[in-house]
Amino acid sequence: MTPPLGRVTPAAGFTLLPRPPILPRARPALVKPSRSLQCVPYARELSGVKLRGDAWTWWNKAEGRYARGAAPRPGAVLVFSKSQRLRRGHLAVVAEVRSSREIVVHQANWLNGGWIHRYSPVRDVSQGNDWSEVRVWYTPGRVYGSRTYAASGFIYPQPESAPVLRQVAK
């Protein structure tokens, strides 16, 4: 189990999870829900993108249903590619765009404990500045993780289902 840092509060249950509050420069935090969560249902609920299946399959499943791209936007779903480390891929929802190379996401089960990770920074480390390779904040250590993860890109929710999140202009 991952040791909690920051403010940790139990959630009432997945369907009753409130949308994360929008806070100026909120710090990364781990939240223990009443039951373990996976990234797919959490991203679906938070973003409004109504896809199913393993996280890595969302990229192809979104084709023709949702706009996709390489630019982060608040409310978009970042799709991590399938790899030896991420056998089912991973999903994270963009909460804030801090710069062309850094975003903040909300995600579930990043460290395989079923926890919700709020306000986790993610950095684009790709050669082409295209978000195809990223590093994710390691909240317990308060540093960026040492691993680089391949990403397929961003799925943009339809306007009527997009959550109200923000972009910070720099």
Protein backbone atom coordinates (compact mmCIF):
# COMPACT_ATOMS: atom_id res chain seq x y z
CA MET A 1 0.00 0.00 0.00
CA THR A 2 1.26 3.46 -0.85
CA PRO A 3 1.83 5.73 2.13
CA PRO A 4 -0.42 8.77 1.93
CA LEU A 5 1.00 12.26 1.68
CA GLY A 6 -0.89 15.48 1.64
CA ARG A 7 -4.54 15.50 2.58
CA VAL A 8 -6.12 12.06 2.45
CA THR A 9 -9.85 11.66 2.96
CA PRO A 10 -12.08 8.65 2.44
CA ALA A 11 -14.59 8.99 -0.37
CA ALA A 12 -18.20 7.91 0.11
CA GLY A 13 -18.10 5.61 -2.92
CA PHE A 14 -17.25 5.76 -6.59
CA THR A 15 -20.60 7.01 -7.86
CA LEU A 16 -20.75 9.59 -5.11
CA LEU A 17 -17.26 11.00 -5.66
CA PRO A 18 -17.42 14.77 -5.96
CA ARG A 19 -15.55 16.41 -8.78
CA PRO A 20 -12.16 17.57 -7.52
CA PRO A 21 -12.26 21.22 -6.53
CA ILE A 22 -10.40 23.70 -8.69
CA LEU A 23 -7.73 25.24 -6.53
CA PRO A 24 -4.98 27.67 -7.47
CA ARG A 25 -1.76 25.64 -7.70
CA ALA A 26 -3.21 22.76 -5.74
CA ARG A 27 -0.67 20.32 -4.38
CA PRO A 28 -0.66 16.67 -5.40
CA ALA A 29 -2.66 14.54 -3.01
CA LEU A 30 -3.69 10.93 -2.56
CA VAL A 31 -7.30 10.15 -1.69
CA LYS A 32 -8.38 6.75 -0.43
CA PRO A 33 -11.84 5.89 -1.77
CA SER A 34 -14.16 3.59 0.14
CA ARG A 35 -13.31 0.88 -2.39
CA SER A 36 -10.38 0.41 -4.74
CA LEU A 37 -10.72 2.20 -8.09
CA GLN A 38 -9.30 1.51 -11.52
CA CYS A 39 -8.29 4.26 -13.95
CA VAL A 40 -10.87 3.42 -16.65
CA PRO A 41 -14.13 3.92 -14.70
CA TYR A 42 -12.63 6.91 -12.90
CA ALA A 43 -11.59 8.62 -16.16
CA ARG A 44 -14.95 7.80 -17.75
CA GLU A 45 -16.87 9.30 -14.83
CA LEU A 46 -14.68 12.38 -14.48
CA SER A 47 -14.31 13.22 -18.19
CA GLY A 48 -17.64 12.13 -19.60
CA VAL A 49 -15.88 10.13 -22.33
CA LYS A 50 -18.12 7.08 -22.62
CA LEU A 51 -15.69 4.39 -23.73
CA ARG A 52 -15.04 0.97 -22.21
CA GLY A 53 -12.28 -1.60 -22.24
CA ASP A 54 -8.65 -1.59 -21.23
CA ALA A 55 -7.12 1.88 -21.07
CA TRP A 56 -4.77 1.36 -24.02
CA THR A 57 -7.74 0.46 -26.29
CA TRP A 58 -9.43 3.83 -25.76
CA TRP A 59 -7.25 5.56 -28.36
CA ASN A 60 -8.55 3.46 -31.26
CA LYS A 61 -12.07 3.20 -29.83
CA ALA A 62 -12.31 7.01 -29.75
CA GLU A 63 -11.73 7.30 -33.50
CA GLY A 64 -14.89 8.61 -35.15
CA ARG A 65 -16.60 9.21 -31.79
CA TYR A 66 -14.38 11.80 -30.12
CA ALA A 67 -11.76 14.23 -31.34
CA ARG A 68 -8.19 13.15 -30.60
CA GLY A 69 -4.92 15.00 -30.68
CA ALA A 70 -1.49 15.73 -29.25
CA ALA A 71 -2.33 18.95 -27.41
CA PRO A 72 -3.49 18.84 -23.79
CA ARG A 73 -6.73 20.58 -22.84
CA PRO A 74 -8.57 20.65 -19.53
CA GLY A 75 -11.03 17.76 -19.42
CA ALA A 76 -9.15 15.70 -22.03
CA VAL A 77 -8.18 12.10 -21.30
CA LEU A 78 -4.47 11.30 -21.63
CA VAL A 79 -4.11 7.73 -22.94
CA PHE A 80 -0.97 5.91 -21.85
CA SER A 81 0.10 3.18 -24.26
CA LYS A 82 0.25 -0.49 -23.36
CA SER A 83 3.73 -1.56 -22.24
CA GLN A 84 5.47 -4.20 -20.19
CA ARG A 85 5.00 -1.98 -17.12
CA LEU A 86 1.46 -0.82 -18.03
CA ARG A 87 -0.05 -4.06 -19.33
CA ARG A 88 -3.50 -2.49 -19.71
CA GLY A 89 -2.29 1.04 -20.40
CA HIS A 90 -3.48 3.89 -18.20
CA LEU A 91 -5.82 6.89 -18.33
CA ALA A 92 -5.58 10.29 -16.64
CA VAL A 93 -7.86 13.32 -16.94
CA VAL A 94 -6.25 16.71 -17.56
CA ALA A 95 -7.19 19.16 -14.81
CA GLU A 96 -4.90 22.01 -15.76
CA VAL A 97 -2.43 22.98 -18.48
CA ARG A 98 0.49 24.75 -16.82
CA SER A 99 2.72 25.11 -19.87
CA SER A 100 3.35 23.51 -23.25
CA ARG A 101 5.33 20.81 -21.44
CA GLU A 102 3.51 20.37 -18.13
CA ILE A 103 -0.04 19.46 -17.18
CA VAL A 104 -1.79 18.43 -13.98
CA VAL A 105 -4.04 15.36 -13.99
CA HIS A 106 -6.48 13.46 -11.82
CA GLN A 107 -6.09 9.68 -12.04
CA ALA A 108 -6.94 6.49 -10.19
CA ASN A 109 -4.80 3.46 -9.42
CA TRP A 110 -1.53 4.94 -10.68
CA LEU A 111 0.56 3.12 -8.07
CA ASN A 112 -1.70 0.04 -8.12
CA GLY A 113 -3.28 0.68 -4.75
CA GLY A 114 -6.68 1.80 -6.04
CA TRP A 115 -6.09 5.31 -4.67
CA ILE A 116 -7.14 8.50 -6.41
CA HIS A 117 -4.28 10.81 -7.30
CA ARG A 118 -5.39 14.43 -7.55
CA TYR A 119 -3.37 17.26 -9.04
CA SER A 120 -0.52 15.03 -10.21
CA PRO A 121 1.89 16.88 -12.52
CA VAL A 122 2.79 15.17 -15.80
CA ARG A 123 5.69 16.37 -17.95
CA ASP A 124 6.11 15.97 -21.71
CA VAL A 125 9.63 14.62 -22.25
CA SER A 126 9.23 13.72 -25.92
CA GLN A 127 11.83 14.91 -28.44
CA GLY A 128 9.15 16.46 -30.66
CA ASN A 129 7.18 18.19 -27.88
CA ASP A 130 4.19 16.04 -28.92
CA TRP A 131 3.28 14.36 -25.62
CA SER A 132 4.25 10.91 -26.95
CA GLU A 133 6.53 10.34 -23.93
CA VAL A 134 5.76 11.53 -20.42
CA ARG A 135 6.99 11.39 -16.86
CA VAL A 136 4.52 11.36 -13.97
CA TRP A 137 4.84 12.94 -10.54
CA TYR A 138 5.55 10.44 -7.76
CA THR A 139 3.48 11.89 -4.93
CA PRO A 140 4.96 9.86 -2.04
CA GLY A 141 8.48 11.01 -2.99
CA ARG A 142 7.42 14.51 -4.04
CA VAL A 143 9.45 14.21 -7.27
CA TYR A 144 8.93 13.22 -10.88
CA GLY A 145 9.20 9.48 -11.32
CA SER A 146 12.30 8.11 -13.00
CA ARG A 147 10.41 6.17 -15.69
CA THR A 148 9.27 7.47 -19.05
CA TYR A 149 5.90 6.25 -20.37
CA ALA A 150 4.67 6.20 -23.96
CA ALA A 151 1.38 8.00 -24.58
CA SER A 152 -0.98 7.75 -27.55
CA GLY A 153 -2.38 11.25 -27.10
CA PHE A 154 -5.43 13.04 -25.77
CA ILE A 155 -9.12 12.25 -26.25
CA TYR A 156 -11.27 15.37 -26.09
CA PRO A 157 -14.71 14.99 -24.50
CA GLN A 158 -17.76 16.28 -26.30
CA PRO A 159 -18.59 19.81 -25.12
CA GLU A 160 -21.79 18.81 -23.34
CA SER A 161 -19.99 16.20 -21.23
CA ALA A 162 -16.78 18.11 -20.58
CA PRO A 163 -16.08 18.81 -16.93
CA VAL A 164 -15.44 22.36 -15.82
CA LEU A 165 -11.68 22.48 -15.37
CA ARG A 166 -9.25 25.28 -16.08
CA GLN A 167 -6.23 26.23 -18.08
CA VAL A 168 -3.58 28.45 -16.58
CA ALA A 169 -2.10 30.84 -19.12
CA LYS A 170 1.65 31.27 -18.95
